[in-house]
Amino acid sequence: METEDKKNSLSNKLELAPLNGFFDLNTKNVLTVDEAVLYTGLAKKTIYKMTSHKEIPHFKPSGRIVYFRREDLENWMLSNRIATAEELTGKAQVHCMTRPASASKKR
């Protein structure tokens, strides 16, 4: 019985281990590649490819080891926002209403 409890306890700890690391990522300002993989959900290979093509902000203080600022990753992940159809419709209506009258007569 005691052995079974130890197995269950160890199993629960192993299942929670990745979650504990994730919570640490929210408090760290500087992340390693492995931590950036967990934080962004991208594959390690993708992260390295993006750093070599300078598509993602990163630091290489020693010339080899890659680090990321968590805030930079957040900003990068939230860049290139796509507007909703409702937002685009509103912008189109404002544009049509504020367009000078002479612009519509040029045709």
PDB file of N, CA and C in Angstrom:
ATOM      1  N   MET A   1       0.815  -1.189   0.000  1.00  0.00           N
ATOM      2  CA  MET A   1       0.000   0.000   0.000  1.00  0.00           C
ATOM      3  C   MET A   1       0.870   1.268   0.000  1.00  0.00           C
ATOM      4  N   GLU A   2       1.914   1.266   0.847  1.00  0.00           N
ATOM      5  CA  GLU A   2       2.781   2.421   0.952  1.00  0.00           C
ATOM      6  C   GLU A   2       3.537   2.657  -0.364  1.00  0.00           C
ATOM      7  N   THR A   3       3.971   1.582  -1.016  1.00  0.00           N
ATOM      8  CA  THR A   3       4.663   1.688  -2.292  1.00  0.00           C
ATOM      9  C   THR A   3       3.761   2.301  -3.353  1.00  0.00           C
ATOM     10  N   GLU A   4       2.500   1.934  -3.345  1.00  0.00           N
ATOM     11  CA  GLU A   4       1.526   2.480  -4.295  1.00  0.00           C
ATOM     12  C   GLU A   4       1.351   3.986  -4.081  1.00  0.00           C
ATOM     13  N   ASP A   5       1.298   4.422  -2.829  1.00  0.00           N
ATOM     14  CA  ASP A   5       1.171   5.846  -2.509  1.00  0.00           C
ATOM     15  C   ASP A   5       2.394   6.619  -2.978  1.00  0.00           C
ATOM     16  N   LYS A   6       3.577   6.030  -2.802  1.00  0.00           N
ATOM     17  CA  LYS A   6       4.808   6.687  -3.249  1.00  0.00           C
ATOM     18  C   LYS A   6       4.821   6.828  -4.770  1.00  0.00           C
ATOM     19  N   LYS A   7       4.365   5.783  -5.472  1.00  0.00           N
ATOM     20  CA  LYS A   7       4.304   5.842  -6.937  1.00  0.00           C
ATOM     21  C   LYS A   7       3.350   6.937  -7.391  1.00  0.00           C
ATOM     22  N   ASN A   8       2.176   7.018  -6.753  1.00  0.00           N
ATOM     23  CA  ASN A   8       1.197   8.047  -7.117  1.00  0.00           C
ATOM     24  C   ASN A   8       1.727   9.444  -6.831  1.00  0.00           C
ATOM     25  N   SER A   9       2.416   9.610  -5.709  1.00  0.00           N
ATOM     26  CA  SER A   9       2.988  10.901  -5.349  1.00  0.00           C
ATOM     27  C   SER A   9       4.051  11.321  -6.359  1.00  0.00           C
ATOM     28  N   LEU A  10       4.930  10.390  -6.726  1.00  0.00           N
ATOM     29  CA  LEU A  10       5.965  10.674  -7.708  1.00  0.00           C
ATOM     30  C   LEU A  10       5.353  10.985  -9.060  1.00  0.00           C
ATOM     31  N   SER A  11       4.342  10.228  -9.445  1.00  0.00           N
ATOM     32  CA  SER A  11       3.659  10.466 -10.710  1.00  0.00           C
ATOM     33  C   SER A  11       3.042  11.852 -10.748  1.00  0.00           C
ATOM     34  N   ASN A  12       2.400  12.261  -9.661  1.00  0.00           N
ATOM     35  CA  ASN A  12       1.797  13.591  -9.595  1.00  0.00           C
ATOM     36  C   ASN A  12       2.850  14.687  -9.692  1.00  0.00           C
ATOM     37  N   LYS A  13       4.001  14.483  -9.029  1.00  0.00           N
ATOM     38  CA  LYS A  13       5.078  15.470  -9.084  1.00  0.00           C
ATOM     39  C   LYS A  13       5.625  15.589 -10.499  1.00  0.00           C
ATOM     40  N   LEU A  14       5.780  14.460 -11.188  1.00  0.00           N
ATOM     41  CA  LEU A  14       6.297  14.487 -12.551  1.00  0.00           C
ATOM     42  C   LEU A  14       5.334  15.182 -13.496  1.00  0.00           C
ATOM     43  N   GLU A  15       4.039  14.987 -13.288  1.00  0.00           N
ATOM     44  CA  GLU A  15       3.055  15.646 -14.138  1.00  0.00           C
ATOM     45  C   GLU A  15       3.031  17.147 -13.910  1.00  0.00           C
ATOM     46  N   LEU A  16       3.306  17.590 -12.677  1.00  0.00           N
ATOM     47  CA  LEU A  16       3.266  19.010 -12.351  1.00  0.00           C
ATOM     48  C   LEU A  16       4.587  19.719 -12.631  1.00  0.00           C
ATOM     49  N   ALA A  17       5.660  18.981 -12.843  1.00  0.00           N
ATOM     50  CA  ALA A  17       6.970  19.586 -13.044  1.00  0.00           C
ATOM     51  C   ALA A  17       6.972  20.607 -14.183  1.00  0.00           C
ATOM     52  N   PRO A  18       6.421  20.290 -15.355  1.00  0.00           N
ATOM     53  CA  PRO A  18       6.410  21.297 -16.422  1.00  0.00           C
ATOM     54  C   PRO A  18       5.601  22.538 -16.047  1.00  0.00           C
ATOM     55  N   LEU A  19       4.539  22.366 -15.279  1.00  0.00           N
ATOM     56  CA  LEU A  19       3.733  23.513 -14.858  1.00  0.00           C
ATOM     57  C   LEU A  19       4.501  24.407 -13.905  1.00  0.00           C
ATOM     58  N   ASN A  20       5.271  23.822 -13.007  1.00  0.00           N
ATOM     59  CA  ASN A  20       6.076  24.630 -12.094  1.00  0.00           C
ATOM     60  C   ASN A  20       7.066  25.478 -12.868  1.00  0.00           C
ATOM     61  N   GLY A  21       7.673  24.925 -13.890  1.00  0.00           N
ATOM     62  CA  GLY A  21       8.586  25.685 -14.734  1.00  0.00           C
ATOM     63  C   GLY A  21       7.876  26.801 -15.469  1.00  0.00           C
ATOM     64  N   PHE A  22       6.654  26.549 -15.895  1.00  0.00           N
ATOM     65  CA  PHE A  22       5.893  27.571 -16.609  1.00  0.00           C
ATOM     66  C   PHE A  22       5.614  28.767 -15.718  1.00  0.00           C
ATOM     67  N   PHE A  23       5.246  28.505 -14.461  1.00  0.00           N
ATOM     68  CA  PHE A  23       4.967  29.614 -13.555  1.00  0.00           C
ATOM     69  C   PHE A  23       6.228  30.422 -13.284  1.00  0.00           C
ATOM     70  N   ASP A  24       7.385  29.789 -13.251  1.00  0.00           N
ATOM     71  CA  ASP A  24       8.642  30.504 -13.083  1.00  0.00           C
ATOM     72  C   ASP A  24       8.898  31.432 -14.273  1.00  0.00           C
ATOM     73  N   LEU A  25       8.467  31.038 -15.448  1.00  0.00           N
ATOM     74  CA  LEU A  25       8.691  31.848 -16.644  1.00  0.00           C
ATOM     75  C   LEU A  25       7.973  33.187 -16.559  1.00  0.00           C
ATOM     76  N   ASN A  26       6.863  33.230 -15.856  1.00  0.00           N
ATOM     77  CA  ASN A  26       6.113  34.477 -15.740  1.00  0.00           C
ATOM     78  C   ASN A  26       6.772  35.476 -14.798  1.00  0.00           C
ATOM     79  N   THR A  27       7.740  35.031 -14.011  1.00  0.00           N
ATOM     80  CA  THR A  27       8.421  35.937 -13.093  1.00  0.00           C
ATOM     81  C   THR A  27       9.828  36.283 -13.571  1.00  0.00           C
ATOM     82  N   LYS A  28      10.370  35.508 -14.508  1.00  0.00           N
ATOM     83  CA  LYS A  28      11.718  35.773 -15.026  1.00  0.00           C
ATOM     84  C   LYS A  28      11.660  36.828 -16.122  1.00  0.00           C
ATOM     85  N   ASN A  29      12.667  37.684 -16.173  1.00  0.00           N
ATOM     86  CA  ASN A  29      12.739  38.693 -17.229  1.00  0.00           C
ATOM     87  C   ASN A  29      13.565  38.228 -18.416  1.00  0.00           C
ATOM     88  N   VAL A  30      14.560  37.390 -18.166  1.00  0.00           N
ATOM     89  CA  VAL A  30      15.447  36.892 -19.211  1.00  0.00           C
ATOM     90  C   VAL A  30      15.258  35.380 -19.323  1.00  0.00           C
ATOM     91  N   LEU A  31      15.020  34.911 -20.546  1.00  0.00           N
ATOM     92  CA  LEU A  31      14.741  33.492 -20.771  1.00  0.00           C
ATOM     93  C   LEU A  31      15.804  32.859 -21.658  1.00  0.00           C
ATOM     94  N   THR A  32      16.069  31.586 -21.424  1.00  0.00           N
ATOM     95  CA  THR A  32      16.947  30.808 -22.290  1.00  0.00           C
ATOM     96  C   THR A  32      16.127  30.311 -23.482  1.00  0.00           C
ATOM     97  N   VAL A  33      16.768  29.637 -24.405  1.00  0.00           N
ATOM     98  CA  VAL A  33      16.054  29.081 -25.562  1.00  0.00           C
ATOM     99  C   VAL A  33      14.997  28.077 -25.108  1.00  0.00           C
ATOM    100  N   ASP A  34      15.375  27.179 -24.201  1.00  0.00           N
ATOM    101  CA  ASP A  34      14.409  26.183 -23.720  1.00  0.00           C
ATOM    102  C   ASP A  34      13.215  26.844 -23.049  1.00  0.00           C
ATOM    103  N   GLU A  35      13.462  27.889 -22.289  1.00  0.00           N
ATOM    104  CA  GLU A  35      12.364  28.601 -21.639  1.00  0.00           C
ATOM    105  C   GLU A  35      11.511  29.357 -22.659  1.00  0.00           C
ATOM    106  N   ALA A  36      12.154  29.903 -23.682  1.00  0.00           N
ATOM    107  CA  ALA A  36      11.415  30.589 -24.747  1.00  0.00           C
ATOM    108  C   ALA A  36      10.527  29.612 -25.504  1.00  0.00           C
ATOM    109  N   VAL A  37      10.999  28.388 -25.672  1.00  0.00           N
ATOM    110  CA  VAL A  37      10.194  27.337 -26.312  1.00  0.00           C
ATOM    111  C   VAL A  37       8.931  27.085 -25.492  1.00  0.00           C
ATOM    112  N   LEU A  38       9.087  26.944 -24.184  1.00  0.00           N
ATOM    113  CA  LEU A  38       7.928  26.728 -23.313  1.00  0.00           C
ATOM    114  C   LEU A  38       7.004  27.948 -23.312  1.00  0.00           C
ATOM    115  N   TYR A  39       7.591  29.119 -23.285  1.00  0.00           N
ATOM    116  CA  TYR A  39       6.813  30.355 -23.184  1.00  0.00           C
ATOM    117  C   TYR A  39       6.005  30.636 -24.451  1.00  0.00           C
ATOM    118  N   THR A  40       6.626  30.417 -25.613  1.00  0.00           N
ATOM    119  CA  THR A  40       5.956  30.741 -26.883  1.00  0.00           C
ATOM    120  C   THR A  40       5.176  29.573 -27.454  1.00  0.00           C
ATOM    121  N   GLY A  41       5.573  28.354 -27.111  1.00  0.00           N
ATOM    122  CA  GLY A  41       4.930  27.183 -27.705  1.00  0.00           C
ATOM    123  C   GLY A  41       5.522  26.806 -29.044  1.00  0.00           C
ATOM    124  N   LEU A  42       6.575  27.506 -29.465  1.00  0.00           N
ATOM    125  CA  LEU A  42       7.251  27.191 -30.727  1.00  0.00           C
ATOM    126  C   LEU A  42       8.265  26.074 -30.512  1.00  0.00           C
ATOM    127  N   ALA A  43       8.607  25.388 -31.569  1.00  0.00           N
ATOM    128  CA  ALA A  43       9.620  24.336 -31.490  1.00  0.00           C
ATOM    129  C   ALA A  43      11.006  24.958 -31.328  1.00  0.00           C
ATOM    130  N   LYS A  44      11.893  24.245 -30.688  1.00  0.00           N
ATOM    131  CA  LYS A  44      13.263  24.731 -30.487  1.00  0.00           C
ATOM    132  C   LYS A  44      13.932  25.037 -31.823  1.00  0.00           C
ATOM    133  N   LYS A  45      13.708  24.164 -32.781  1.00  0.00           N
ATOM    134  CA  LYS A  45      14.274  24.345 -34.121  1.00  0.00           C
ATOM    135  C   LYS A  45      13.764  25.652 -34.739  1.00  0.00           C
ATOM    136  N   THR A  46      12.494  25.946 -34.541  1.00  0.00           N
ATOM    137  CA  THR A  46      11.898  27.166 -35.075  1.00  0.00           C
ATOM    138  C   THR A  46      12.506  28.394 -34.407  1.00  0.00           C
ATOM    139  N   ILE A  47      12.688  28.329 -33.099  1.00  0.00           N
ATOM    140  CA  ILE A  47      13.296  29.455 -32.364  1.00  0.00           C
ATOM    141  C   ILE A  47      14.695  29.734 -32.910  1.00  0.00           C
ATOM    142  N   TYR A  48      15.512  28.681 -33.049  1.00  0.00           N
ATOM    143  CA  TYR A  48      16.870  28.867 -33.556  1.00  0.00           C
ATOM    144  C   TYR A  48      16.858  29.411 -34.983  1.00  0.00           C
ATOM    145  N   LYS A  49      15.962  28.916 -35.804  1.00  0.00           N
ATOM    146  CA  LYS A  49      15.862  29.393 -37.188  1.00  0.00           C
ATOM    147  C   LYS A  49      15.493  30.876 -37.218  1.00  0.00           C
ATOM    148  N   MET A  50      14.553  31.256 -36.373  1.00  0.00           N
ATOM    149  CA  MET A  50      14.117  32.647 -36.338  1.00  0.00           C
ATOM    150  C   MET A  50      15.214  33.572 -35.816  1.00  0.00           C
ATOM    151  N   THR A  51      16.030  33.094 -34.882  1.00  0.00           N
ATOM    152  CA  THR A  51      17.132  33.927 -34.402  1.00  0.00           C
ATOM    153  C   THR A  51      18.197  34.079 -35.489  1.00  0.00           C
ATOM    154  N   SER A  52      18.459  33.021 -36.228  1.00  0.00           N
ATOM    155  CA  SER A  52      19.483  33.117 -37.278  1.00  0.00           C
ATOM    156  C   SER A  52      19.040  34.015 -38.428  1.00  0.00           C
ATOM    157  N   HIS A  53      17.734  34.095 -38.657  1.00  0.00           N
ATOM    158  CA  HIS A  53      17.200  34.985 -39.696  1.00  0.00           C
ATOM    159  C   HIS A  53      16.827  36.362 -39.146  1.00  0.00           C
ATOM    160  N   LYS A  54      17.116  36.578 -37.858  1.00  0.00           N
ATOM    161  CA  LYS A  54      16.816  37.841 -37.176  1.00  0.00           C
ATOM    162  C   LYS A  54      15.339  38.209 -37.270  1.00  0.00           C
ATOM    163  N   GLU A  55      14.479  37.209 -37.103  1.00  0.00           N
ATOM    164  CA  GLU A  55      13.035  37.406 -37.161  1.00  0.00           C
ATOM    165  C   GLU A  55      12.411  37.571 -35.786  1.00  0.00           C
ATOM    166  N   ILE A  56      13.200  37.315 -34.745  1.00  0.00           N
ATOM    167  CA  ILE A  56      12.701  37.401 -33.378  1.00  0.00           C
ATOM    168  C   ILE A  56      13.774  38.101 -32.544  1.00  0.00           C
ATOM    169  N   PRO A  57      13.380  39.039 -31.666  1.00  0.00           N
ATOM    170  CA  PRO A  57      14.397  39.761 -30.884  1.00  0.00           C
ATOM    171  C   PRO A  57      15.094  38.843 -29.881  1.00  0.00           C
ATOM    172  N   HIS A  58      16.411  38.948 -29.828  1.00  0.00           N
ATOM    173  CA  HIS A  58      17.191  38.093 -28.932  1.00  0.00           C
ATOM    174  C   HIS A  58      18.524  38.739 -28.613  1.00  0.00           C
ATOM    175  N   PHE A  59      19.248  38.147 -27.679  1.00  0.00           N
ATOM    176  CA  PHE A  59      20.559  38.633 -27.245  1.00  0.00           C
ATOM    177  C   PHE A  59      21.549  37.481 -27.275  1.00  0.00           C
ATOM    178  N   LYS A  60      22.803  37.798 -27.609  1.00  0.00           N
ATOM    179  CA  LYS A  60      23.895  36.825 -27.600  1.00  0.00           C
ATOM    180  C   LYS A  60      25.102  37.485 -26.939  1.00  0.00           C
ATOM    181  N   PRO A  61      25.092  37.622 -25.618  1.00  0.00           N
ATOM    182  CA  PRO A  61      26.184  38.347 -24.959  1.00  0.00           C
ATOM    183  C   PRO A  61      27.555  37.704 -25.135  1.00  0.00           C
ATOM    184  N   SER A  62      27.613  36.389 -25.194  1.00  0.00           N
ATOM    185  CA  SER A  62      28.905  35.717 -25.354  1.00  0.00           C
ATOM    186  C   SER A  62      29.151  35.313 -26.801  1.00  0.00           C
ATOM    187  N   GLY A  63      28.196  35.594 -27.665  1.00  0.00           N
ATOM    188  CA  GLY A  63      28.334  35.225 -29.058  1.00  0.00           C
ATOM    189  C   GLY A  63      27.803  33.840 -29.374  1.00  0.00           C
ATOM    190  N   ARG A  64      27.449  33.072 -28.359  1.00  0.00           N
ATOM    191  CA  ARG A  64      26.958  31.709 -28.598  1.00  0.00           C
ATOM    192  C   ARG A  64      25.596  31.462 -27.952  1.00  0.00           C
ATOM    193  N   ILE A  65      25.499  31.712 -26.663  1.00  0.00           N
ATOM    194  CA  ILE A  65      24.269  31.417 -25.926  1.00  0.00           C
ATOM    195  C   ILE A  65      23.231  32.495 -26.230  1.00  0.00           C
ATOM    196  N   VAL A  66      22.015  32.048 -26.546  1.00  0.00           N
ATOM    197  CA  VAL A  66      20.940  32.957 -26.926  1.00  0.00           C
ATOM    198  C   VAL A  66      20.014  33.176 -25.733  1.00  0.00           C
ATOM    199  N   TYR A  67      19.684  34.443 -25.512  1.00  0.00           N
ATOM    200  CA  TYR A  67      18.744  34.812 -24.456  1.00  0.00           C
ATOM    201  C   TYR A  67      17.646  35.680 -25.050  1.00  0.00           C
ATOM    202  N   PHE A  68      16.511  35.685 -24.371  1.00  0.00           N
ATOM    203  CA  PHE A  68      15.369  36.478 -24.799  1.00  0.00           C
ATOM    204  C   PHE A  68      14.843  37.272 -23.615  1.00  0.00           C
ATOM    205  N   ARG A  69      14.430  38.496 -23.869  1.00  0.00           N
ATOM    206  CA  ARG A  69      13.728  39.253 -22.840  1.00  0.00           C
ATOM    207  C   ARG A  69      12.255  38.863 -22.952  1.00  0.00           C
ATOM    208  N   ARG A  70      11.662  38.474 -21.833  1.00  0.00           N
ATOM    209  CA  ARG A  70      10.269  38.010 -21.839  1.00  0.00           C
ATOM    210  C   ARG A  70       9.343  39.067 -22.440  1.00  0.00           C
ATOM    211  N   GLU A  71       9.561  40.314 -22.094  1.00  0.00           N
ATOM    212  CA  GLU A  71       8.724  41.403 -22.623  1.00  0.00           C
ATOM    213  C   GLU A  71       8.844  41.506 -24.146  1.00  0.00           C
ATOM    214  N   ASP A  72      10.053  41.313 -24.673  1.00  0.00           N
ATOM    215  CA  ASP A  72      10.247  41.330 -26.134  1.00  0.00           C
ATOM    216  C   ASP A  72       9.466  40.208 -26.801  1.00  0.00           C
ATOM    217  N   LEU A  73       9.487  39.022 -26.178  1.00  0.00           N
ATOM    218  CA  LEU A  73       8.739  37.891 -26.737  1.00  0.00           C
ATOM    219  C   LEU A  73       7.243  38.170 -26.724  1.00  0.00           C
ATOM    220  N   GLU A  74       6.752  38.746 -25.626  1.00  0.00           N
ATOM    221  CA  GLU A  74       5.328  39.097 -25.554  1.00  0.00           C
ATOM    222  C   GLU A  74       4.952  40.075 -26.656  1.00  0.00           C
ATOM    223  N   ASN A  75       5.755  41.126 -26.800  1.00  0.00           N
ATOM    224  CA  ASN A  75       5.475  42.124 -27.839  1.00  0.00           C
ATOM    225  C   ASN A  75       5.535  41.511 -29.231  1.00  0.00           C
ATOM    226  N   TRP A  76       6.503  40.648 -29.446  1.00  0.00           N
ATOM    227  CA  TRP A  76       6.634  39.993 -30.745  1.00  0.00           C
ATOM    228  C   TRP A  76       5.424  39.095 -31.027  1.00  0.00           C
ATOM    229  N   MET A  77       4.995  38.337 -30.008  1.00  0.00           N
ATOM    230  CA  MET A  77       3.854  37.437 -30.197  1.00  0.00           C
ATOM    231  C   MET A  77       2.561  38.214 -30.459  1.00  0.00           C
ATOM    232  N   LEU A  78       2.471  39.408 -29.922  1.00  0.00           N
ATOM    233  CA  LEU A  78       1.252  40.199 -30.085  1.00  0.00           C
ATOM    234  C   LEU A  78       1.351  41.219 -31.224  1.00  0.00           C
ATOM    235  N   SER A  79       2.393  41.144 -32.025  1.00  0.00           N
ATOM    236  CA  SER A  79       2.539  42.070 -33.149  1.00  0.00           C
ATOM    237  C   SER A  79       1.695  41.605 -34.337  1.00  0.00           C
ATOM    238  N   ASN A  80       1.507  42.503 -35.269  1.00  0.00           N
ATOM    239  CA  ASN A  80       0.760  42.213 -36.504  1.00  0.00           C
ATOM    240  C   ASN A  80      -0.671  41.762 -36.198  1.00  0.00           C
ATOM    241  N   ARG A  81      -1.350  42.556 -35.384  1.00  0.00           N
ATOM    242  CA  ARG A  81      -2.727  42.247 -34.995  1.00  0.00           C
ATOM    243  C   ARG A  81      -3.646  42.318 -36.211  1.00  0.00           C
ATOM    244  N   ILE A  82      -4.554  41.388 -36.290  1.00  0.00           N
ATOM    245  CA  ILE A  82      -5.537  41.340 -37.362  1.00  0.00           C
ATOM    246  C   ILE A  82      -6.852  41.900 -36.826  1.00  0.00           C
ATOM    247  N   ALA A  83      -7.377  42.921 -37.490  1.00  0.00           N
ATOM    248  CA  ALA A  83      -8.624  43.553 -37.057  1.00  0.00           C
ATOM    249  C   ALA A  83      -9.810  42.628 -37.328  1.00  0.00           C
ATOM    250  N   THR A  84     -10.842  42.765 -36.493  1.00  0.00           N
ATOM    251  CA  THR A  84     -12.055  41.986 -36.695  1.00  0.00           C
ATOM    252  C   THR A  84     -12.859  42.589 -37.843  1.00  0.00           C
ATOM    253  N   ALA A  85     -13.797  41.830 -38.367  1.00  0.00           N
ATOM    254  CA  ALA A  85     -14.656  42.324 -39.452  1.00  0.00           C
ATOM    255  C   ALA A  85     -15.435  43.545 -38.980  1.00  0.00           C
ATOM    256  N   GLU A  86     -15.868  43.536 -37.737  1.00  0.00           N
ATOM    257  CA  GLU A  86     -16.615  44.673 -37.178  1.00  0.00           C
ATOM    258  C   GLU A  86     -15.753  45.937 -37.138  1.00  0.00           C
ATOM    259  N   GLU A  87     -14.496  45.798 -36.732  1.00  0.00           N
ATOM    260  CA  GLU A  87     -13.585  46.949 -36.710  1.00  0.00           C
ATOM    261  C   GLU A  87     -13.356  47.492 -38.117  1.00  0.00           C
ATOM    262  N   LEU A  88     -13.177  46.603 -39.083  1.00  0.00           N
ATOM    263  CA  LEU A  88     -12.953  47.040 -40.467  1.00  0.00           C
ATOM    264  C   LEU A  88     -14.178  47.735 -41.032  1.00  0.00           C
ATOM    265  N   THR A  89     -15.362  47.230 -40.716  1.00  0.00           N
ATOM    266  CA  THR A  89     -16.603  47.855 -41.183  1.00  0.00           C
ATOM    267  C   THR A  89     -16.719  49.262 -40.604  1.00  0.00           C
ATOM    268  N   GLY A  90     -16.413  49.411 -39.319  1.00  0.00           N
ATOM    269  CA  GLY A  90     -16.461  50.725 -38.685  1.00  0.00           C
ATOM    270  C   GLY A  90     -15.497  51.697 -39.323  1.00  0.00           C
ATOM    271  N   LYS A  91     -14.281  51.246 -39.618  1.00  0.00           N
ATOM    272  CA  LYS A  91     -13.292  52.114 -40.279  1.00  0.00           C
ATOM    273  C   LYS A  91     -13.754  52.504 -41.667  1.00  0.00           C
ATOM    274  N   ALA A  92     -14.349  51.567 -42.386  1.00  0.00           N
ATOM    275  CA  ALA A  92     -14.839  51.862 -43.744  1.00  0.00           C
ATOM    276  C   ALA A  92     -15.954  52.902 -43.695  1.00  0.00           C
ATOM    277  N   GLN A  93     -16.846  52.775 -42.716  1.00  0.00           N
ATOM    278  CA  GLN A  93     -17.942  53.739 -42.591  1.00  0.00           C
ATOM    279  C   GLN A  93     -17.409  55.128 -42.265  1.00  0.00           C
ATOM    280  N   VAL A  94     -16.451  55.208 -41.359  1.00  0.00           N
ATOM    281  CA  VAL A  94     -15.860  56.500 -41.003  1.00  0.00           C
ATOM    282  C   VAL A  94     -15.163  57.089 -42.220  1.00  0.00           C
ATOM    283  N   HIS A  95     -14.447  56.276 -42.952  1.00  0.00           N
ATOM    284  CA  HIS A  95     -13.738  56.757 -44.143  1.00  0.00           C
ATOM    285  C   HIS A  95     -14.727  57.309 -45.173  1.00  0.00           C
ATOM    286  N   CYS A  96     -15.816  56.588 -45.420  1.00  0.00           N
ATOM    287  CA  CYS A  96     -16.809  57.032 -46.414  1.00  0.00           C
ATOM    288  C   CYS A  96     -17.505  58.319 -45.970  1.00  0.00           C
ATOM    289  N   MET A  97     -17.720  58.454 -44.677  1.00  0.00           N
ATOM    290  CA  MET A  97     -18.421  59.631 -44.172  1.00  0.00           C
ATOM    291  C   MET A  97     -17.526  60.861 -44.113  1.00  0.00           C
ATOM    292  N   THR A  98     -16.227  60.679 -43.978  1.00  0.00           N
ATOM    293  CA  THR A  98     -15.310  61.816 -43.853  1.00  0.00           C
ATOM    294  C   THR A  98     -14.603  62.143 -45.157  1.00  0.00           C
ATOM    295  N   ARG A  99     -14.850  61.389 -46.201  1.00  0.00           N
ATOM    296  CA  ARG A  99     -14.214  61.618 -47.494  1.00  0.00           C
ATOM    297  C   ARG A  99     -14.788  62.902 -48.092  1.00  0.00           C
ATOM    298  N   PRO A 100     -13.942  63.755 -48.660  1.00  0.00           N
ATOM    299  CA  PRO A 100     -14.449  64.988 -49.280  1.00  0.00           C
ATOM    300  C   PRO A 100     -15.416  64.678 -50.425  1.00  0.00           C
ATOM    301  N   ALA A 101     -16.379  65.536 -50.623  1.00  0.00           N
ATOM    302  CA  ALA A 101     -17.403  65.333 -51.667  1.00  0.00           C
ATOM    303  C   ALA A 101     -16.785  65.336 -53.053  1.00  0.00           C
ATOM    304  N   SER A 102     -15.728  66.094 -53.264  1.00  0.00           N
ATOM    305  CA  SER A 102     -15.104  66.165 -54.592  1.00  0.00           C
ATOM    306  C   SER A 102     -14.474  64.829 -54.968  1.00  0.00           C
ATOM    307  N   ALA A 103     -14.070  64.041 -53.999  1.00  0.00           N
ATOM    308  CA  ALA A 103     -13.456  62.754 -54.297  1.00  0.00           C
ATOM    309  C   ALA A 103     -14.442  61.808 -54.942  1.00  0.00           C
ATOM    310  N   SER A 104     -15.710  61.908 -54.577  1.00  0.00           N
ATOM    311  CA  SER A 104     -16.699  60.996 -55.157  1.00  0.00           C
ATOM    312  C   SER A 104     -17.116  61.432 -56.549  1.00  0.00           C
ATOM    313  N   LYS A 105     -16.873  62.680 -56.971  1.00  0.00           N
ATOM    314  CA  LYS A 105     -17.294  63.186 -58.286  1.00  0.00           C
ATOM    315  C   LYS A 105     -16.202  62.997 -59.344  1.00  0.00           C
ATOM    316  N   LYS A 106     -15.023  62.534 -58.994  1.00  0.00           N
ATOM    317  CA  LYS A 106     -13.930  62.400 -59.960  1.00  0.00           C
ATOM    318  C   LYS A 106     -14.158  61.345 -60.987  1.00  0.00           C
ATOM    319  N   ARG A 107     -15.069  60.483 -60.809  1.00  0.00           N
ATOM    320  CA  ARG A 107     -15.311  59.397 -61.755  1.00  0.00           C
ATOM    321  C   ARG A 107     -15.964  59.905 -62.936  1.00  0.00           C
TER     322      ARG A 107
END
